[in-house]
Amino acid sequence: MSGPKKQSGMVELYALILLVVLGAFMATANQFFNIQREKNEAKVASETFNMWVAAAMNYRVDKGGWPSNASQLLGVYMHNTASAISTPWGSQYQISIAPGDMIQVSVDAKDRKKAGRMASAIPQSAITGNVVSARYGKPGS
């Protein structure tokens, strides 16, 4: 009498197919979550950028002139916290006086994709390399 017939590798084949499908699903899900994380970081960075602009405008109204650097805004006009000073990827926001009695806010976005995502949410912004910047005149002008 002969023993039970062996399936010739069918279980292994099904397991291999399942692993390939699962691997493809995991790679797609990982890519999706990375894109969402990058979008959220860019949103936070552009919202903080706009807060720096508002702080500079408030400083102008209160003091009659522009702040010469970001440190003049910390404490009273901006929270002195890491999330307010730096982008989620660690670049610090820069404030400077621009020609024509304007204020310029800029930040290094680290790559063009982040710069594009940030600039799309910042009025009058421009991208130079990886740097997002915007110039504004005095409030009401």
N, C-alpha and C. Protein backbone atom coordinates (compact mmCIF):
# COMPACT_ATOMS: atom_id res chain seq x y z
N MET A 1 0.84 -1.16 0.00
CA MET A 1 0.00 0.00 0.00
C MET A 1 0.89 1.24 0.00
N SER A 2 0.53 2.18 -0.78
CA SER A 2 1.35 3.38 -0.87
C SER A 2 0.78 4.45 0.05
N GLY A 3 1.67 5.38 0.53
CA GLY A 3 1.28 6.44 1.46
C GLY A 3 0.56 7.58 0.71
N PRO A 4 0.18 8.62 1.46
CA PRO A 4 -0.52 9.75 0.84
C PRO A 4 0.38 10.44 -0.18
N LYS A 5 -0.25 10.92 -1.23
CA LYS A 5 0.50 11.59 -2.28
C LYS A 5 0.89 12.99 -1.80
N LYS A 6 2.10 13.37 -2.09
CA LYS A 6 2.59 14.69 -1.71
C LYS A 6 2.22 15.70 -2.79
N GLN A 7 1.79 16.88 -2.35
CA GLN A 7 1.60 17.95 -3.32
C GLN A 7 3.00 18.45 -3.66
N SER A 8 3.22 18.61 -4.90
CA SER A 8 4.58 18.97 -5.31
C SER A 8 4.79 20.48 -5.26
N GLY A 9 4.99 21.03 -4.05
CA GLY A 9 5.36 22.42 -3.88
C GLY A 9 4.24 23.43 -3.98
N MET A 10 3.01 23.03 -3.99
CA MET A 10 1.90 23.98 -4.13
C MET A 10 1.78 24.91 -2.92
N VAL A 11 1.96 24.39 -1.74
CA VAL A 11 1.86 25.21 -0.53
C VAL A 11 2.96 26.28 -0.55
N GLU A 12 4.16 25.86 -0.92
CA GLU A 12 5.27 26.81 -0.99
C GLU A 12 5.01 27.88 -2.05
N LEU A 13 4.44 27.48 -3.16
CA LEU A 13 4.13 28.44 -4.23
C LEU A 13 3.08 29.44 -3.76
N TYR A 14 2.04 28.98 -3.10
CA TYR A 14 1.01 29.89 -2.57
C TYR A 14 1.61 30.85 -1.53
N ALA A 15 2.49 30.35 -0.68
CA ALA A 15 3.12 31.18 0.34
C ALA A 15 4.00 32.24 -0.33
N LEU A 16 4.72 31.86 -1.36
CA LEU A 16 5.57 32.80 -2.08
C LEU A 16 4.73 33.89 -2.75
N ILE A 17 3.63 33.52 -3.37
CA ILE A 17 2.74 34.50 -4.01
C ILE A 17 2.17 35.45 -2.96
N LEU A 18 1.75 34.90 -1.83
CA LEU A 18 1.22 35.72 -0.75
C LEU A 18 2.28 36.71 -0.24
N LEU A 19 3.51 36.27 -0.09
CA LEU A 19 4.57 37.16 0.36
C LEU A 19 4.86 38.27 -0.65
N VAL A 20 4.83 37.95 -1.94
CA VAL A 20 5.06 38.96 -2.98
C VAL A 20 3.94 40.00 -2.95
N VAL A 21 2.69 39.55 -2.86
CA VAL A 21 1.55 40.48 -2.82
C VAL A 21 1.61 41.33 -1.56
N LEU A 22 1.91 40.72 -0.43
CA LEU A 22 2.02 41.45 0.82
C LEU A 22 3.17 42.46 0.76
N GLY A 23 4.28 42.09 0.20
CA GLY A 23 5.41 43.00 0.04
C GLY A 23 5.06 44.19 -0.83
N ALA A 24 4.36 43.97 -1.93
CA ALA A 24 3.95 45.07 -2.80
C ALA A 24 2.98 46.00 -2.08
N PHE A 25 2.07 45.44 -1.33
CA PHE A 25 1.13 46.25 -0.55
C PHE A 25 1.87 47.10 0.47
N MET A 26 2.82 46.51 1.18
CA MET A 26 3.58 47.23 2.20
C MET A 26 4.41 48.36 1.57
N ALA A 27 5.01 48.11 0.43
CA ALA A 27 5.81 49.14 -0.24
C ALA A 27 4.93 50.31 -0.66
N THR A 28 3.75 50.01 -1.20
CA THR A 28 2.81 51.06 -1.62
C THR A 28 2.32 51.85 -0.41
N ALA A 29 1.97 51.16 0.66
CA ALA A 29 1.49 51.83 1.87
C ALA A 29 2.59 52.71 2.47
N ASN A 30 3.82 52.22 2.48
CA ASN A 30 4.95 53.00 3.00
C ASN A 30 5.15 54.27 2.19
N GLN A 31 5.08 54.14 0.87
CA GLN A 31 5.25 55.31 0.00
C GLN A 31 4.13 56.32 0.25
N PHE A 32 2.90 55.85 0.38
CA PHE A 32 1.76 56.73 0.65
C PHE A 32 1.96 57.48 1.97
N PHE A 33 2.36 56.79 3.02
CA PHE A 33 2.54 57.43 4.32
C PHE A 33 3.70 58.43 4.30
N ASN A 34 4.77 58.13 3.55
CA ASN A 34 5.87 59.08 3.42
C ASN A 34 5.42 60.35 2.71
N ILE A 35 4.62 60.23 1.68
CA ILE A 35 4.10 61.40 0.97
C ILE A 35 3.21 62.22 1.89
N GLN A 36 2.35 61.57 2.64
CA GLN A 36 1.48 62.28 3.58
C GLN A 36 2.28 63.00 4.66
N ARG A 37 3.33 62.36 5.15
CA ARG A 37 4.19 62.98 6.17
C ARG A 37 4.87 64.22 5.59
N GLU A 38 5.39 64.10 4.37
CA GLU A 38 6.04 65.25 3.73
C GLU A 38 5.06 66.40 3.51
N LYS A 39 3.84 66.08 3.11
CA LYS A 39 2.82 67.12 2.91
C LYS A 39 2.49 67.81 4.24
N ASN A 40 2.35 67.03 5.29
CA ASN A 40 2.05 67.60 6.61
C ASN A 40 3.19 68.47 7.11
N GLU A 41 4.44 68.03 6.91
CA GLU A 41 5.59 68.84 7.32
C GLU A 41 5.61 70.16 6.56
N ALA A 42 5.35 70.11 5.25
CA ALA A 42 5.34 71.33 4.44
C ALA A 42 4.21 72.26 4.88
N LYS A 43 3.07 71.70 5.26
CA LYS A 43 1.95 72.51 5.73
C LYS A 43 2.32 73.22 7.03
N VAL A 44 2.92 72.50 7.96
CA VAL A 44 3.35 73.09 9.22
C VAL A 44 4.38 74.18 8.97
N ALA A 45 5.34 73.90 8.09
CA ALA A 45 6.39 74.88 7.79
C ALA A 45 5.82 76.14 7.15
N SER A 46 4.87 76.00 6.22
CA SER A 46 4.30 77.18 5.57
C SER A 46 3.40 77.96 6.53
N GLU A 47 2.68 77.28 7.41
CA GLU A 47 1.88 77.99 8.42
C GLU A 47 2.77 78.77 9.37
N THR A 48 3.89 78.19 9.77
CA THR A 48 4.83 78.89 10.64
C THR A 48 5.47 80.06 9.91
N PHE A 49 5.79 79.87 8.63
CA PHE A 49 6.32 80.95 7.80
C PHE A 49 5.36 82.14 7.81
N ASN A 50 4.08 81.86 7.61
CA ASN A 50 3.07 82.92 7.61
C ASN A 50 2.95 83.57 8.99
N MET A 51 3.18 82.82 10.06
CA MET A 51 3.17 83.40 11.40
C MET A 51 4.35 84.37 11.57
N TRP A 52 5.51 84.05 11.00
CA TRP A 52 6.66 84.96 11.04
C TRP A 52 6.33 86.26 10.30
N VAL A 53 5.65 86.14 9.16
CA VAL A 53 5.26 87.34 8.41
C VAL A 53 4.32 88.19 9.26
N ALA A 54 3.33 87.57 9.87
CA ALA A 54 2.39 88.31 10.72
C ALA A 54 3.11 88.95 11.90
N ALA A 55 4.07 88.24 12.49
CA ALA A 55 4.83 88.79 13.61
C ALA A 55 5.63 90.02 13.17
N ALA A 56 6.23 89.95 11.98
CA ALA A 56 7.00 91.10 11.47
C ALA A 56 6.07 92.29 11.20
N MET A 57 4.89 92.00 10.69
CA MET A 57 3.92 93.08 10.43
C MET A 57 3.48 93.73 11.75
N ASN A 58 3.21 92.91 12.76
CA ASN A 58 2.82 93.45 14.07
C ASN A 58 3.95 94.27 14.69
N TYR A 59 5.16 93.80 14.54
CA TYR A 59 6.32 94.56 15.03
C TYR A 59 6.38 95.91 14.33
N ARG A 60 6.16 95.93 13.03
CA ARG A 60 6.19 97.18 12.26
C ARG A 60 5.15 98.15 12.78
N VAL A 61 3.93 97.65 13.04
CA VAL A 61 2.86 98.51 13.55
C VAL A 61 3.21 99.06 14.93
N ASP A 62 3.75 98.20 15.79
CA ASP A 62 4.06 98.61 17.16
C ASP A 62 5.28 99.52 17.25
N LYS A 63 6.33 99.21 16.51
CA LYS A 63 7.61 99.90 16.66
C LYS A 63 7.89 100.95 15.58
N GLY A 64 7.13 100.92 14.48
CA GLY A 64 7.35 101.89 13.42
C GLY A 64 8.45 101.52 12.44
N GLY A 65 9.04 100.37 12.58
CA GLY A 65 10.09 99.90 11.67
C GLY A 65 10.12 98.38 11.65
N TRP A 66 10.88 97.84 10.71
CA TRP A 66 10.97 96.38 10.59
C TRP A 66 11.98 95.82 11.58
N PRO A 67 11.79 94.58 12.01
CA PRO A 67 12.83 93.95 12.82
C PRO A 67 14.03 93.64 11.92
N SER A 68 15.23 93.79 12.44
CA SER A 68 16.41 93.53 11.61
C SER A 68 16.75 92.04 11.56
N ASN A 69 16.22 91.27 12.50
CA ASN A 69 16.45 89.82 12.49
C ASN A 69 15.34 89.12 13.26
N ALA A 70 15.33 87.80 13.18
CA ALA A 70 14.26 87.01 13.79
C ALA A 70 14.26 87.09 15.31
N SER A 71 15.43 87.24 15.91
CA SER A 71 15.49 87.24 17.38
C SER A 71 14.71 88.40 17.99
N GLN A 72 14.52 89.50 17.24
CA GLN A 72 13.74 90.63 17.77
C GLN A 72 12.26 90.29 17.89
N LEU A 73 11.82 89.25 17.25
CA LEU A 73 10.40 88.87 17.29
C LEU A 73 10.10 87.81 18.35
N LEU A 74 11.14 87.13 18.80
CA LEU A 74 10.93 86.03 19.74
C LEU A 74 10.49 86.54 21.10
N GLY A 75 9.58 85.83 21.70
CA GLY A 75 9.10 86.18 23.03
C GLY A 75 7.80 86.95 22.99
N VAL A 76 7.80 88.13 22.36
CA VAL A 76 6.61 88.96 22.32
C VAL A 76 5.74 88.63 21.10
N TYR A 77 6.37 88.54 19.93
CA TYR A 77 5.61 88.37 18.69
C TYR A 77 5.57 86.92 18.20
N MET A 78 6.55 86.13 18.60
CA MET A 78 6.62 84.71 18.25
C MET A 78 7.01 83.92 19.49
N HIS A 79 6.45 82.72 19.61
CA HIS A 79 6.84 81.84 20.71
C HIS A 79 8.28 81.41 20.51
N ASN A 80 9.02 81.40 21.57
CA ASN A 80 10.42 80.98 21.50
C ASN A 80 10.50 79.47 21.73
N THR A 81 9.94 78.72 20.81
CA THR A 81 9.96 77.26 20.88
C THR A 81 10.61 76.71 19.62
N ALA A 82 11.10 75.50 19.72
CA ALA A 82 11.77 74.88 18.57
C ALA A 82 10.86 74.80 17.35
N SER A 83 9.56 74.53 17.57
CA SER A 83 8.65 74.40 16.43
C SER A 83 8.38 75.74 15.76
N ALA A 84 8.55 76.84 16.47
CA ALA A 84 8.35 78.17 15.88
C ALA A 84 9.62 78.71 15.24
N ILE A 85 10.76 78.28 15.72
CA ILE A 85 12.03 78.78 15.22
C ILE A 85 12.49 78.02 13.99
N SER A 86 12.21 76.71 13.95
CA SER A 86 12.72 75.85 12.88
C SER A 86 11.60 75.10 12.18
N THR A 87 11.88 74.72 10.95
CA THR A 87 10.96 73.86 10.19
C THR A 87 11.00 72.45 10.77
N PRO A 88 10.06 71.60 10.38
CA PRO A 88 10.11 70.21 10.86
C PRO A 88 11.41 69.49 10.47
N TRP A 89 12.10 69.97 9.43
CA TRP A 89 13.36 69.33 9.01
C TRP A 89 14.58 70.08 9.50
N GLY A 90 14.40 71.08 10.40
CA GLY A 90 15.51 71.70 11.10
C GLY A 90 16.05 73.01 10.57
N SER A 91 15.53 73.55 9.50
CA SER A 91 16.01 74.83 8.98
C SER A 91 15.39 75.98 9.77
N GLN A 92 16.19 76.99 10.04
CA GLN A 92 15.67 78.14 10.79
C GLN A 92 15.12 79.20 9.84
N TYR A 93 14.06 79.85 10.28
CA TYR A 93 13.47 80.95 9.53
C TYR A 93 14.36 82.18 9.66
N GLN A 94 14.51 82.91 8.57
CA GLN A 94 15.36 84.09 8.54
C GLN A 94 14.50 85.32 8.24
N ILE A 95 14.76 86.40 8.94
CA ILE A 95 14.08 87.69 8.72
C ILE A 95 15.15 88.71 8.35
N SER A 96 14.88 89.50 7.32
CA SER A 96 15.83 90.56 6.96
C SER A 96 15.06 91.72 6.32
N ILE A 97 15.67 92.90 6.41
CA ILE A 97 15.08 94.07 5.78
C ILE A 97 15.53 94.08 4.33
N ALA A 98 14.57 94.26 3.42
CA ALA A 98 14.85 94.27 1.99
C ALA A 98 14.74 95.70 1.46
N PRO A 99 15.39 95.99 0.33
CA PRO A 99 15.30 97.33 -0.26
C PRO A 99 13.84 97.74 -0.52
N GLY A 100 13.59 99.02 -0.43
CA GLY A 100 12.24 99.53 -0.68
C GLY A 100 11.35 99.46 0.53
N ASP A 101 11.94 99.50 1.73
CA ASP A 101 11.19 99.45 2.98
C ASP A 101 10.30 98.21 3.04
N MET A 102 10.91 97.06 2.77
CA MET A 102 10.19 95.78 2.80
C MET A 102 10.87 94.83 3.77
N ILE A 103 10.13 93.81 4.15
CA ILE A 103 10.66 92.74 5.00
C ILE A 103 10.72 91.47 4.17
N GLN A 104 11.78 90.70 4.36
CA GLN A 104 11.90 89.42 3.66
C GLN A 104 11.99 88.31 4.68
N VAL A 105 11.17 87.30 4.48
CA VAL A 105 11.20 86.09 5.31
C VAL A 105 11.65 84.97 4.39
N SER A 106 12.60 84.16 4.85
CA SER A 106 13.07 83.05 4.02
C SER A 106 13.44 81.86 4.89
N VAL A 107 13.46 80.70 4.24
CA VAL A 107 13.82 79.46 4.93
C VAL A 107 14.30 78.45 3.89
N ASP A 108 15.27 77.64 4.28
CA ASP A 108 15.78 76.57 3.42
C ASP A 108 14.86 75.36 3.57
N ALA A 109 14.24 74.96 2.48
CA ALA A 109 13.31 73.83 2.53
C ALA A 109 14.01 72.48 2.34
N LYS A 110 15.30 72.48 2.13
CA LYS A 110 16.15 71.28 1.99
C LYS A 110 16.02 70.58 0.65
N ASP A 111 14.87 70.64 -0.03
CA ASP A 111 14.78 70.10 -1.39
C ASP A 111 13.66 70.79 -2.15
N ARG A 112 13.67 70.65 -3.46
CA ARG A 112 12.73 71.37 -4.32
C ARG A 112 11.27 70.95 -4.09
N LYS A 113 11.06 69.70 -3.77
CA LYS A 113 9.69 69.23 -3.56
C LYS A 113 9.08 69.90 -2.33
N LYS A 114 9.83 69.95 -1.24
CA LYS A 114 9.34 70.62 -0.03
C LYS A 114 9.16 72.12 -0.30
N ALA A 115 10.11 72.70 -1.04
CA ALA A 115 10.01 74.12 -1.36
C ALA A 115 8.74 74.41 -2.16
N GLY A 116 8.43 73.57 -3.12
CA GLY A 116 7.22 73.76 -3.91
C GLY A 116 5.96 73.62 -3.09
N ARG A 117 5.94 72.65 -2.21
CA ARG A 117 4.77 72.46 -1.34
C ARG A 117 4.59 73.64 -0.40
N MET A 118 5.70 74.15 0.13
CA MET A 118 5.61 75.30 1.03
C MET A 118 5.15 76.54 0.27
N ALA A 119 5.79 76.81 -0.86
CA ALA A 119 5.52 78.03 -1.62
C ALA A 119 4.07 78.11 -2.08
N SER A 120 3.45 76.98 -2.32
CA SER A 120 2.06 76.99 -2.78
C SER A 120 1.11 77.54 -1.72
N ALA A 121 1.54 77.55 -0.45
CA ALA A 121 0.68 78.03 0.63
C ALA A 121 1.14 79.37 1.20
N ILE A 122 2.12 80.01 0.54
CA ILE A 122 2.66 81.28 1.04
C ILE A 122 2.44 82.35 -0.03
N PRO A 123 1.65 83.38 0.28
CA PRO A 123 1.41 84.45 -0.70
C PRO A 123 2.71 85.15 -1.10
N GLN A 124 2.82 85.48 -2.37
CA GLN A 124 3.94 86.24 -2.93
C GLN A 124 5.29 85.58 -2.70
N SER A 125 5.33 84.27 -2.61
CA SER A 125 6.59 83.59 -2.35
C SER A 125 7.32 83.26 -3.64
N ALA A 126 8.61 83.04 -3.51
CA ALA A 126 9.45 82.65 -4.63
C ALA A 126 10.39 81.56 -4.15
N ILE A 127 10.85 80.74 -5.07
CA ILE A 127 11.78 79.67 -4.75
C ILE A 127 13.08 79.94 -5.50
N THR A 128 14.18 79.94 -4.77
CA THR A 128 15.51 80.06 -5.36
C THR A 128 16.32 78.87 -4.86
N GLY A 129 16.57 77.92 -5.74
CA GLY A 129 17.20 76.67 -5.29
C GLY A 129 16.23 75.93 -4.39
N ASN A 130 16.62 75.75 -3.14
CA ASN A 130 15.75 75.11 -2.15
C ASN A 130 15.17 76.12 -1.17
N VAL A 131 15.46 77.39 -1.36
CA VAL A 131 15.06 78.42 -0.41
C VAL A 131 13.73 79.05 -0.83
N VAL A 132 12.80 79.07 0.11
CA VAL A 132 11.51 79.73 -0.09
C VAL A 132 11.61 81.09 0.58
N SER A 133 11.26 82.14 -0.16
CA SER A 133 11.31 83.47 0.42
C SER A 133 10.12 84.28 -0.07
N ALA A 134 9.80 85.32 0.70
CA ALA A 134 8.72 86.22 0.33
C ALA A 134 9.04 87.60 0.88
N ARG A 135 8.69 88.63 0.10
CA ARG A 135 8.89 90.02 0.51
C ARG A 135 7.55 90.69 0.65
N TYR A 136 7.44 91.52 1.68
CA TYR A 136 6.19 92.22 1.94
C TYR A 136 6.50 93.67 2.33
N GLY A 137 5.61 94.56 1.91
CA GLY A 137 5.71 95.96 2.30
C GLY A 137 5.00 96.19 3.61
N LYS A 138 5.01 97.44 4.05
CA LYS A 138 4.41 97.75 5.34
C LYS A 138 2.91 97.46 5.30
N PRO A 139 2.33 97.12 6.44
CA PRO A 139 0.90 96.79 6.49
C PRO A 139 0.06 97.93 5.91
N GLY A 140 -0.91 97.58 5.10
CA GLY A 140 -1.81 98.55 4.51
C GLY A 140 -1.31 99.15 3.20
N SER A 141 -0.14 98.69 2.73
CA SER A 141 0.37 99.26 1.47
C SER A 141 0.09 98.35 0.29
